[in-house]
N, C-alpha and C. Protein backbone atom coordinates (compact mmCIF):
# COMPACT_ATOMS: atom_id res chain seq x y z
N UNK A 1 18.60 36.44 70.87
CA UNK A 1 17.85 36.15 72.08
C UNK A 1 16.37 36.08 71.74
N UNK A 2 15.71 35.02 72.14
CA UNK A 2 14.29 34.84 71.85
C UNK A 2 13.46 35.60 72.88
N UNK A 3 12.37 36.19 72.44
CA UNK A 3 11.49 36.93 73.33
C UNK A 3 10.18 36.17 73.47
N UNK A 4 9.82 35.85 74.69
CA UNK A 4 8.58 35.10 74.91
C UNK A 4 7.47 35.97 75.48
N UNK A 5 7.75 37.24 75.78
CA UNK A 5 6.72 38.10 76.36
C UNK A 5 5.86 38.77 75.31
N UNK A 6 6.32 38.87 74.11
CA UNK A 6 5.56 39.50 73.02
C UNK A 6 5.51 38.51 71.87
N UNK A 7 4.34 37.96 71.56
CA UNK A 7 4.26 36.84 70.63
C UNK A 7 4.77 37.10 69.22
N UNK A 8 4.69 38.35 68.74
CA UNK A 8 5.15 38.63 67.38
C UNK A 8 6.66 38.78 67.29
N UNK A 9 7.32 39.02 68.42
CA UNK A 9 8.78 39.18 68.41
C UNK A 9 9.42 37.80 68.45
N UNK A 10 10.26 37.55 67.47
CA UNK A 10 10.94 36.26 67.40
C UNK A 10 12.35 36.38 67.95
N UNK A 11 13.04 37.47 67.59
CA UNK A 11 14.44 37.66 67.98
C UNK A 11 14.65 39.11 68.38
N UNK A 12 15.48 39.31 69.41
CA UNK A 12 15.97 40.64 69.74
C UNK A 12 17.49 40.61 69.71
N UNK A 13 18.07 41.65 69.12
CA UNK A 13 19.52 41.85 69.18
C UNK A 13 19.74 43.14 69.95
N UNK A 14 20.97 43.58 69.99
CA UNK A 14 21.27 44.82 70.70
C UNK A 14 20.48 46.01 70.14
N UNK A 15 20.38 46.08 68.81
CA UNK A 15 19.73 47.24 68.18
C UNK A 15 18.41 46.93 67.52
N UNK A 16 18.10 45.64 67.34
CA UNK A 16 16.99 45.28 66.46
C UNK A 16 15.99 44.34 67.11
N UNK A 17 14.79 44.41 66.59
CA UNK A 17 13.74 43.43 66.87
C UNK A 17 13.39 42.78 65.53
N UNK A 18 13.34 41.46 65.51
CA UNK A 18 12.85 40.74 64.34
C UNK A 18 11.53 40.11 64.75
N UNK A 19 10.51 40.41 63.99
CA UNK A 19 9.16 39.92 64.29
C UNK A 19 8.45 39.57 63.00
N UNK A 20 7.31 38.94 63.14
CA UNK A 20 6.51 38.62 61.97
C UNK A 20 6.21 39.90 61.18
N UNK A 21 6.18 39.77 59.88
CA UNK A 21 5.72 40.87 59.03
C UNK A 21 4.20 40.90 59.16
N UNK A 22 3.68 42.08 59.43
CA UNK A 22 2.25 42.26 59.69
C UNK A 22 1.60 43.07 58.57
N UNK A 23 0.30 42.94 58.40
CA UNK A 23 -0.39 43.76 57.39
C UNK A 23 -0.15 45.26 57.59
N UNK A 24 0.11 45.69 58.81
CA UNK A 24 0.36 47.10 59.10
C UNK A 24 1.75 47.56 58.64
N UNK A 25 2.58 46.65 58.15
CA UNK A 25 3.91 47.01 57.64
C UNK A 25 3.88 47.45 56.19
N UNK A 26 2.69 47.68 55.64
CA UNK A 26 2.55 47.96 54.21
C UNK A 26 3.35 49.20 53.79
N UNK A 27 3.37 50.26 54.59
CA UNK A 27 4.11 51.47 54.20
C UNK A 27 5.62 51.21 54.14
N UNK A 28 6.15 50.56 55.16
CA UNK A 28 7.58 50.25 55.16
C UNK A 28 7.97 49.30 54.05
N UNK A 29 7.15 48.29 53.83
CA UNK A 29 7.42 47.34 52.76
C UNK A 29 7.33 48.02 51.39
N UNK A 30 6.41 48.97 51.25
CA UNK A 30 6.30 49.68 49.98
C UNK A 30 7.52 50.55 49.75
N UNK A 31 7.97 51.26 50.79
CA UNK A 31 9.19 52.07 50.65
C UNK A 31 10.36 51.19 50.24
N UNK A 32 10.47 50.03 50.83
CA UNK A 32 11.55 49.10 50.53
C UNK A 32 11.47 48.61 49.08
N UNK A 33 10.35 48.07 48.71
CA UNK A 33 10.25 47.37 47.43
C UNK A 33 9.89 48.25 46.24
N UNK A 34 9.66 49.54 46.47
CA UNK A 34 9.43 50.45 45.35
C UNK A 34 10.71 51.17 44.93
N UNK A 35 11.78 50.98 45.67
CA UNK A 35 13.05 51.66 45.40
C UNK A 35 13.85 50.90 44.34
N UNK A 36 14.10 51.51 43.17
CA UNK A 36 14.87 50.83 42.13
C UNK A 36 16.28 50.43 42.58
N UNK A 37 16.89 51.21 43.47
CA UNK A 37 18.23 50.86 43.96
C UNK A 37 18.21 49.58 44.78
N UNK A 38 17.15 49.39 45.56
CA UNK A 38 17.01 48.17 46.36
C UNK A 38 16.88 46.96 45.42
N UNK A 39 16.21 47.17 44.30
CA UNK A 39 15.94 46.07 43.37
C UNK A 39 16.98 45.90 42.27
N UNK A 40 18.08 46.66 42.36
CA UNK A 40 19.11 46.60 41.32
C UNK A 40 19.59 45.18 41.07
N UNK A 41 19.80 44.41 42.14
CA UNK A 41 20.30 43.03 42.02
C UNK A 41 19.22 41.99 42.27
N UNK A 42 17.96 42.43 42.18
CA UNK A 42 16.84 41.53 42.45
C UNK A 42 15.91 41.43 41.24
N UNK A 43 16.45 41.63 40.06
CA UNK A 43 15.64 41.51 38.87
C UNK A 43 15.11 42.83 38.33
N UNK A 44 15.46 43.94 39.00
CA UNK A 44 15.05 45.28 38.53
C UNK A 44 13.56 45.41 38.30
N UNK A 45 12.77 44.90 39.24
CA UNK A 45 11.31 45.01 39.11
C UNK A 45 10.69 45.55 40.40
N UNK A 46 10.98 46.82 40.73
CA UNK A 46 10.35 47.38 41.93
C UNK A 46 8.84 47.46 41.76
N UNK A 47 8.14 47.47 42.87
CA UNK A 47 6.68 47.57 42.82
C UNK A 47 6.27 49.03 42.59
N UNK A 48 5.06 49.22 42.11
CA UNK A 48 4.57 50.57 41.82
C UNK A 48 3.33 50.94 42.61
N UNK A 49 2.68 49.95 43.22
CA UNK A 49 1.42 50.20 43.93
C UNK A 49 1.41 49.44 45.26
N UNK A 50 0.82 50.06 46.27
CA UNK A 50 0.74 49.41 47.58
C UNK A 50 -0.06 48.12 47.52
N UNK A 51 -0.97 48.01 46.57
CA UNK A 51 -1.75 46.76 46.46
C UNK A 51 -0.82 45.58 46.20
N UNK A 52 0.28 45.82 45.46
CA UNK A 52 1.25 44.75 45.21
C UNK A 52 1.90 44.31 46.52
N UNK A 53 2.16 45.25 47.40
CA UNK A 53 2.79 44.95 48.69
C UNK A 53 1.84 44.17 49.58
N UNK A 54 0.58 44.49 49.53
CA UNK A 54 -0.40 43.74 50.33
C UNK A 54 -0.37 42.27 49.94
N UNK A 55 -0.22 42.00 48.64
CA UNK A 55 -0.11 40.62 48.17
C UNK A 55 1.18 39.96 48.66
N UNK A 56 2.27 40.72 48.66
CA UNK A 56 3.56 40.20 49.15
C UNK A 56 3.45 39.84 50.63
N UNK A 57 2.86 40.73 51.41
CA UNK A 57 2.70 40.48 52.85
C UNK A 57 1.84 39.24 53.08
N UNK A 58 0.77 39.12 52.32
CA UNK A 58 -0.09 37.94 52.43
C UNK A 58 0.69 36.66 52.11
N UNK A 59 1.51 36.72 51.07
CA UNK A 59 2.33 35.58 50.65
C UNK A 59 3.31 35.19 51.77
N UNK A 60 3.98 36.17 52.36
CA UNK A 60 4.92 35.90 53.45
C UNK A 60 4.18 35.31 54.65
N UNK A 61 3.05 35.89 55.00
CA UNK A 61 2.29 35.40 56.16
C UNK A 61 1.77 33.97 55.91
N UNK A 62 1.49 33.63 54.68
CA UNK A 62 1.06 32.28 54.35
C UNK A 62 2.22 31.31 54.57
N UNK A 63 3.45 31.75 54.32
CA UNK A 63 4.62 30.90 54.56
C UNK A 63 4.77 30.57 56.04
N UNK A 64 4.43 31.51 56.91
CA UNK A 64 4.48 31.22 58.35
C UNK A 64 3.57 30.03 58.67
N UNK A 65 2.40 30.01 58.07
CA UNK A 65 1.42 28.94 58.31
C UNK A 65 1.86 27.64 57.63
N UNK A 66 2.21 27.74 56.35
CA UNK A 66 2.52 26.54 55.57
C UNK A 66 3.86 25.90 55.94
N UNK A 67 4.87 26.73 56.23
CA UNK A 67 6.23 26.22 56.43
C UNK A 67 6.79 26.47 57.82
N UNK A 68 6.05 27.19 58.66
CA UNK A 68 6.51 27.46 60.01
C UNK A 68 7.64 28.47 60.08
N UNK A 69 7.93 29.12 58.98
CA UNK A 69 9.05 30.07 58.93
C UNK A 69 8.80 31.02 57.76
N UNK A 70 9.49 32.13 57.75
CA UNK A 70 9.39 33.09 56.65
C UNK A 70 10.28 34.28 56.95
N UNK A 71 10.21 35.27 56.10
CA UNK A 71 10.99 36.49 56.31
C UNK A 71 10.33 37.27 57.45
N UNK A 72 11.17 37.93 58.27
CA UNK A 72 10.68 38.70 59.42
C UNK A 72 11.01 40.17 59.26
N UNK A 73 10.13 41.02 59.76
CA UNK A 73 10.38 42.46 59.76
C UNK A 73 11.55 42.76 60.67
N UNK A 74 12.40 43.68 60.24
CA UNK A 74 13.48 44.21 61.07
C UNK A 74 13.01 45.57 61.56
N UNK A 75 12.95 45.72 62.88
CA UNK A 75 12.51 46.96 63.51
C UNK A 75 13.69 47.52 64.32
N UNK A 76 14.00 48.79 64.10
CA UNK A 76 15.05 49.44 64.88
C UNK A 76 14.49 49.75 66.26
N UNK A 77 15.14 49.25 67.30
CA UNK A 77 14.62 49.41 68.67
C UNK A 77 14.46 50.87 69.07
N UNK A 78 15.48 51.70 68.81
CA UNK A 78 15.46 53.06 69.36
C UNK A 78 14.39 53.95 68.72
N UNK A 79 13.98 53.64 67.48
CA UNK A 79 12.99 54.47 66.80
C UNK A 79 11.68 53.74 66.51
N UNK A 80 11.69 52.43 66.67
CA UNK A 80 10.55 51.57 66.32
C UNK A 80 10.25 51.63 64.82
N UNK A 81 11.26 52.00 64.02
CA UNK A 81 11.08 52.14 62.57
C UNK A 81 11.25 50.80 61.87
N UNK A 82 10.47 50.58 60.82
CA UNK A 82 10.61 49.44 59.94
C UNK A 82 11.85 49.69 59.08
N UNK A 83 12.81 48.77 59.14
CA UNK A 83 14.10 48.92 58.47
C UNK A 83 14.16 48.06 57.21
N UNK A 84 13.48 46.93 57.22
CA UNK A 84 13.52 45.97 56.13
C UNK A 84 13.09 44.62 56.64
N UNK A 85 13.62 43.57 56.03
CA UNK A 85 13.31 42.22 56.50
C UNK A 85 14.53 41.33 56.41
N UNK A 86 14.50 40.27 57.20
CA UNK A 86 15.52 39.22 57.17
C UNK A 86 14.84 37.95 57.63
N UNK A 87 15.36 36.83 57.18
CA UNK A 87 14.78 35.59 57.66
C UNK A 87 15.05 34.44 56.72
N UNK A 88 14.44 33.34 57.07
CA UNK A 88 14.56 32.13 56.29
C UNK A 88 13.32 31.93 55.45
N UNK A 89 13.51 31.39 54.29
CA UNK A 89 12.39 31.00 53.44
C UNK A 89 12.61 29.54 53.08
N UNK A 90 11.58 28.75 53.26
CA UNK A 90 11.66 27.35 52.88
C UNK A 90 11.34 27.27 51.39
N UNK A 91 12.30 26.87 50.60
CA UNK A 91 12.17 26.87 49.14
C UNK A 91 11.63 25.52 48.68
N UNK A 92 10.50 25.58 47.99
CA UNK A 92 9.85 24.35 47.54
C UNK A 92 9.88 24.20 46.02
N UNK A 93 10.49 25.16 45.33
CA UNK A 93 10.67 25.03 43.89
C UNK A 93 12.17 24.93 43.61
N UNK A 94 12.52 24.31 42.52
CA UNK A 94 13.93 24.05 42.24
C UNK A 94 14.69 25.33 41.90
N UNK A 95 15.82 25.51 42.57
CA UNK A 95 16.74 26.60 42.30
C UNK A 95 18.14 26.00 42.27
N UNK A 96 18.86 26.19 41.19
CA UNK A 96 20.22 25.66 41.06
C UNK A 96 20.28 24.19 41.45
N UNK A 97 19.36 23.40 40.96
CA UNK A 97 19.29 21.96 41.19
C UNK A 97 19.05 21.59 42.65
N UNK A 98 18.55 22.53 43.44
CA UNK A 98 18.21 22.27 44.84
C UNK A 98 16.72 22.51 45.03
N UNK A 99 16.15 21.75 45.94
CA UNK A 99 14.73 21.90 46.29
C UNK A 99 14.58 21.48 47.75
N UNK A 100 13.60 22.06 48.41
CA UNK A 100 13.34 21.76 49.83
C UNK A 100 14.55 22.09 50.69
N UNK A 101 14.88 23.37 50.71
CA UNK A 101 16.01 23.85 51.52
C UNK A 101 15.63 25.20 52.14
N UNK A 102 16.40 25.63 53.11
CA UNK A 102 16.18 26.91 53.77
C UNK A 102 17.15 27.94 53.20
N UNK A 103 16.59 29.05 52.77
CA UNK A 103 17.34 30.13 52.15
C UNK A 103 17.36 31.33 53.10
N UNK A 104 18.55 31.84 53.37
CA UNK A 104 18.68 33.06 54.16
C UNK A 104 18.58 34.25 53.23
N UNK A 105 17.77 35.22 53.60
CA UNK A 105 17.66 36.44 52.82
C UNK A 105 17.50 37.64 53.71
N UNK A 106 17.75 38.81 53.15
CA UNK A 106 17.61 40.07 53.87
C UNK A 106 17.47 41.18 52.84
N UNK A 107 16.79 42.23 53.23
CA UNK A 107 16.60 43.39 52.35
C UNK A 107 16.34 44.60 53.24
N UNK A 108 17.05 45.68 53.00
CA UNK A 108 16.92 46.88 53.82
C UNK A 108 16.51 48.09 53.00
N UNK A 109 15.75 48.97 53.62
CA UNK A 109 15.47 50.29 53.04
C UNK A 109 16.81 51.00 52.89
N UNK A 110 17.00 51.70 51.79
CA UNK A 110 18.30 52.25 51.41
C UNK A 110 18.93 53.13 52.49
N UNK A 111 18.16 53.92 53.20
CA UNK A 111 18.76 54.82 54.18
C UNK A 111 19.39 54.06 55.36
N UNK A 112 19.15 52.75 55.46
CA UNK A 112 19.74 51.95 56.53
C UNK A 112 20.95 51.14 56.05
N UNK A 113 21.30 51.27 54.79
CA UNK A 113 22.47 50.56 54.27
C UNK A 113 23.74 51.07 54.96
N UNK A 114 24.72 50.20 55.07
CA UNK A 114 26.03 50.60 55.58
C UNK A 114 26.11 50.81 57.08
N UNK A 115 25.11 50.38 57.83
CA UNK A 115 25.11 50.56 59.28
C UNK A 115 25.30 49.25 60.04
N UNK A 116 25.59 48.17 59.32
CA UNK A 116 25.79 46.88 59.96
C UNK A 116 24.51 46.17 60.35
N UNK A 117 23.39 46.67 59.89
CA UNK A 117 22.10 46.09 60.26
C UNK A 117 21.89 44.74 59.58
N UNK A 118 22.19 44.65 58.29
CA UNK A 118 21.98 43.38 57.58
C UNK A 118 22.78 42.24 58.20
N UNK A 119 24.09 42.42 58.45
CA UNK A 119 24.81 41.31 59.08
C UNK A 119 24.32 40.98 60.49
N UNK A 120 23.93 41.99 61.25
CA UNK A 120 23.42 41.76 62.61
C UNK A 120 22.13 40.94 62.56
N UNK A 121 21.23 41.34 61.68
CA UNK A 121 19.96 40.62 61.55
C UNK A 121 20.19 39.21 61.00
N UNK A 122 21.01 39.11 59.97
CA UNK A 122 21.26 37.81 59.34
C UNK A 122 21.93 36.84 60.30
N UNK A 123 22.87 37.32 61.11
CA UNK A 123 23.53 36.45 62.09
C UNK A 123 22.52 35.94 63.11
N UNK A 124 21.61 36.81 63.54
CA UNK A 124 20.61 36.37 64.52
C UNK A 124 19.66 35.34 63.91
N UNK A 125 19.37 35.47 62.61
CA UNK A 125 18.54 34.48 61.92
C UNK A 125 19.27 33.15 61.83
N UNK A 126 20.56 33.19 61.51
CA UNK A 126 21.35 31.95 61.46
C UNK A 126 21.40 31.27 62.82
N UNK A 127 21.61 32.05 63.87
CA UNK A 127 21.62 31.48 65.23
C UNK A 127 20.28 30.80 65.51
N UNK A 128 19.19 31.45 65.11
CA UNK A 128 17.86 30.88 65.30
C UNK A 128 17.73 29.57 64.50
N UNK A 129 18.21 29.59 63.26
CA UNK A 129 18.11 28.41 62.39
C UNK A 129 18.84 27.21 63.01
N UNK A 130 20.05 27.45 63.48
CA UNK A 130 20.87 26.36 64.00
C UNK A 130 20.52 25.98 65.44
N UNK A 131 20.22 26.96 66.27
CA UNK A 131 20.00 26.68 67.69
C UNK A 131 18.55 26.35 68.04
N UNK A 132 17.60 27.04 67.42
CA UNK A 132 16.18 26.81 67.74
C UNK A 132 15.54 25.78 66.80
N UNK A 133 15.84 25.91 65.50
CA UNK A 133 15.23 25.00 64.53
C UNK A 133 16.07 23.73 64.36
N UNK A 134 17.29 23.77 64.86
CA UNK A 134 18.23 22.64 64.78
C UNK A 134 18.49 22.22 63.34
N UNK A 135 18.57 23.21 62.43
CA UNK A 135 18.95 22.92 61.05
C UNK A 135 20.43 22.57 61.00
N UNK A 136 20.83 21.81 60.01
CA UNK A 136 22.25 21.46 59.86
C UNK A 136 22.92 22.30 58.78
N UNK A 137 22.12 22.91 57.89
CA UNK A 137 22.69 23.76 56.84
C UNK A 137 21.67 24.77 56.37
N UNK A 138 22.18 25.89 55.86
CA UNK A 138 21.35 26.95 55.30
C UNK A 138 22.05 27.41 54.02
N UNK A 139 21.26 27.75 53.03
CA UNK A 139 21.78 28.22 51.75
C UNK A 139 21.47 29.70 51.57
N UNK A 140 22.19 30.32 50.64
CA UNK A 140 21.92 31.70 50.25
C UNK A 140 22.45 31.90 48.85
N UNK A 141 21.93 32.91 48.19
CA UNK A 141 22.44 33.24 46.87
C UNK A 141 22.48 34.74 46.73
N UNK A 142 23.39 35.21 45.88
CA UNK A 142 23.52 36.64 45.64
C UNK A 142 24.01 36.86 44.23
N UNK A 143 23.50 37.90 43.61
CA UNK A 143 23.99 38.32 42.30
C UNK A 143 25.50 38.50 42.41
N UNK A 144 26.24 37.99 41.46
CA UNK A 144 27.71 38.07 41.50
C UNK A 144 28.20 39.51 41.59
N UNK A 145 27.43 40.47 41.07
CA UNK A 145 27.84 41.87 41.10
C UNK A 145 27.42 42.61 42.36
N UNK A 146 26.69 41.95 43.24
CA UNK A 146 26.23 42.59 44.47
C UNK A 146 27.31 42.43 45.54
N UNK A 147 28.30 43.30 45.48
CA UNK A 147 29.45 43.20 46.38
C UNK A 147 29.04 43.23 47.85
N UNK A 148 28.08 44.09 48.19
CA UNK A 148 27.65 44.21 49.58
C UNK A 148 27.09 42.91 50.13
N UNK A 149 26.18 42.30 49.40
CA UNK A 149 25.56 41.07 49.86
C UNK A 149 26.56 39.91 49.88
N UNK A 150 27.40 39.83 48.87
CA UNK A 150 28.41 38.77 48.85
C UNK A 150 29.36 38.90 50.03
N UNK A 151 29.73 40.12 50.37
CA UNK A 151 30.61 40.36 51.52
C UNK A 151 29.94 39.93 52.82
N UNK A 152 28.67 40.29 52.98
CA UNK A 152 27.93 39.92 54.20
C UNK A 152 27.88 38.40 54.35
N UNK A 153 27.52 37.71 53.28
CA UNK A 153 27.40 36.25 53.36
C UNK A 153 28.74 35.60 53.72
N UNK A 154 29.82 36.08 53.13
CA UNK A 154 31.14 35.53 53.44
C UNK A 154 31.54 35.85 54.88
N UNK A 155 31.23 37.07 55.33
CA UNK A 155 31.53 37.47 56.71
C UNK A 155 30.78 36.59 57.72
N UNK A 156 29.58 36.16 57.34
CA UNK A 156 28.78 35.30 58.22
C UNK A 156 29.28 33.86 58.24
N UNK A 157 30.20 33.52 57.34
CA UNK A 157 30.73 32.16 57.32
C UNK A 157 30.20 31.30 56.20
N UNK A 158 29.39 31.86 55.32
CA UNK A 158 28.91 31.09 54.17
C UNK A 158 30.08 30.78 53.25
N UNK A 159 30.06 29.59 52.69
CA UNK A 159 31.09 29.16 51.74
C UNK A 159 30.51 29.22 50.33
N UNK A 160 31.27 29.81 49.42
CA UNK A 160 30.86 29.85 48.02
C UNK A 160 30.99 28.45 47.46
N UNK A 161 29.89 27.90 46.98
CA UNK A 161 29.88 26.54 46.43
C UNK A 161 30.13 26.60 44.92
N UNK A 162 29.42 27.53 44.26
CA UNK A 162 29.55 27.62 42.80
C UNK A 162 28.86 28.87 42.32
N UNK A 163 29.06 29.16 41.05
CA UNK A 163 28.32 30.20 40.36
C UNK A 163 27.30 29.52 39.47
N UNK A 164 26.14 30.15 39.32
CA UNK A 164 25.12 29.58 38.46
C UNK A 164 24.33 30.70 37.81
N UNK A 165 23.62 30.35 36.76
CA UNK A 165 22.81 31.29 36.01
C UNK A 165 21.38 31.25 36.52
N UNK A 166 20.86 32.39 36.96
CA UNK A 166 19.48 32.48 37.41
C UNK A 166 18.76 33.49 36.51
N UNK A 167 17.99 32.97 35.58
CA UNK A 167 17.25 33.80 34.63
C UNK A 167 18.16 34.77 33.89
N UNK A 168 19.31 34.27 33.45
CA UNK A 168 20.24 35.06 32.65
C UNK A 168 21.20 35.93 33.46
N UNK A 169 21.16 35.82 34.77
CA UNK A 169 22.04 36.63 35.63
C UNK A 169 22.93 35.69 36.44
N UNK A 170 24.24 35.97 36.44
CA UNK A 170 25.18 35.14 37.19
C UNK A 170 25.00 35.39 38.69
N UNK A 171 24.86 34.29 39.45
CA UNK A 171 24.69 34.35 40.90
C UNK A 171 25.72 33.45 41.59
N UNK A 172 26.08 33.85 42.80
CA UNK A 172 26.88 32.99 43.66
C UNK A 172 25.94 32.17 44.52
N UNK A 173 26.28 30.89 44.69
CA UNK A 173 25.50 29.93 45.48
C UNK A 173 26.32 29.60 46.72
N UNK A 174 25.74 29.87 47.88
CA UNK A 174 26.44 29.71 49.15
C UNK A 174 25.75 28.68 50.04
N UNK A 175 26.55 28.12 50.94
CA UNK A 175 26.03 27.22 51.97
C UNK A 175 26.83 27.44 53.24
N UNK A 176 26.15 27.36 54.36
CA UNK A 176 26.81 27.34 55.65
C UNK A 176 26.32 26.10 56.38
N UNK A 177 27.26 25.37 56.95
CA UNK A 177 26.95 24.17 57.72
C UNK A 177 27.11 24.50 59.19
N UNK A 178 26.19 24.02 60.00
CA UNK A 178 26.16 24.35 61.42
C UNK A 178 27.53 24.20 62.08
N UNK A 179 28.18 23.08 61.84
CA UNK A 179 29.46 22.81 62.50
C UNK A 179 30.58 23.73 62.03
N UNK A 180 30.40 24.40 60.91
CA UNK A 180 31.47 25.22 60.35
C UNK A 180 31.23 26.72 60.55
N UNK A 181 30.17 27.08 61.26
CA UNK A 181 29.93 28.52 61.41
C UNK A 181 30.96 29.13 62.35
N UNK A 182 31.28 30.40 62.10
CA UNK A 182 32.31 31.07 62.94
C UNK A 182 31.88 31.24 64.38
C-alpha cells in the first residue's frame, strides 16, 4: 500500500514501513553492514567504520536521483526500529551478460532473520515494481550456498534461469515476469 501522507514512506505493509534510506540511518546501516554473518554470501567484506556507511548512504541516495529508484530502509512499525533494506536497484553495469535491468535485493540485521520480514518486504517491492512502475520483469541473484535467500526468491515466484560465476563464486540468476507472478 502506497502512503501519500508522509513523503519518505513509499510502502506500508502490515508490519513494515519501507522508506528512503536517510543520512540518519547511519547507525542501523552500520550494524547491518559491519556484521560478518550478514556479509557471508556478499563477498565477506563487512565495513569497519561508519564513514564507509555514510558513503554507502550517499551512493544509494544518488540512485534515487539518477534512476528514480533504489534500496529502501525497512522500518518495523511497532518499534520504529531500522531492520535492514529492500528495494530495486537499476543496474547499469554488466552482470551475467545483462545490463540496464532492475535487480531486487534485501538485507536484514541478523536479529531480524527468520521472522518473515525479508519475504514481506520483497513482495511489497515486487508489487510496487509491477503495479506502480509497470515493469514487465525483475531480476535477482543469490549465492548458490545462500539457502535462505534462494528459498525467499523461489517463494516469491522467481524462476531460476541459470547458474553463473560472479567473481569466482557460483550464483543463481533469477527472473520474475509480471504475468507469471503468484
